[in-house]
């Protein structure tokens, strides 16, 4: 099976706003099927971010078993390396320049393995 698509907060919000489930029911059925089959995942931090909203999106997605995955130590180590190399990428509110001069995979590939060790 190919690796799953990792969907972040902004994607879920855009889908919710532009393709509401009451109008685009078949799209949401396909999303549910893809989640159920393990083809779509989101880090559990996405759920925390969605809970800050005032709509029902967090509640709707929280019901999808297997969608939200915990950030394991190796993933957290990778995030630490990326944020160290790109301090302007994001701030506490999740807003930043989005630019660090390299792609995230490039940063992780070129970082010494000791930087990624937990």
Foldseek 3Di string as FASTA:
>chain_A
DDAAAEDAQVVLVVCCVPPPCVRNVVVVVVVLVCQVVNRAAYEVVRLVVCVVDDDCSSVVVVPRPNRYDYQDLLNVLLVVQVCVQAVQCQDPVRDGPVDRPDDSVVSVVPDDVVSSDD
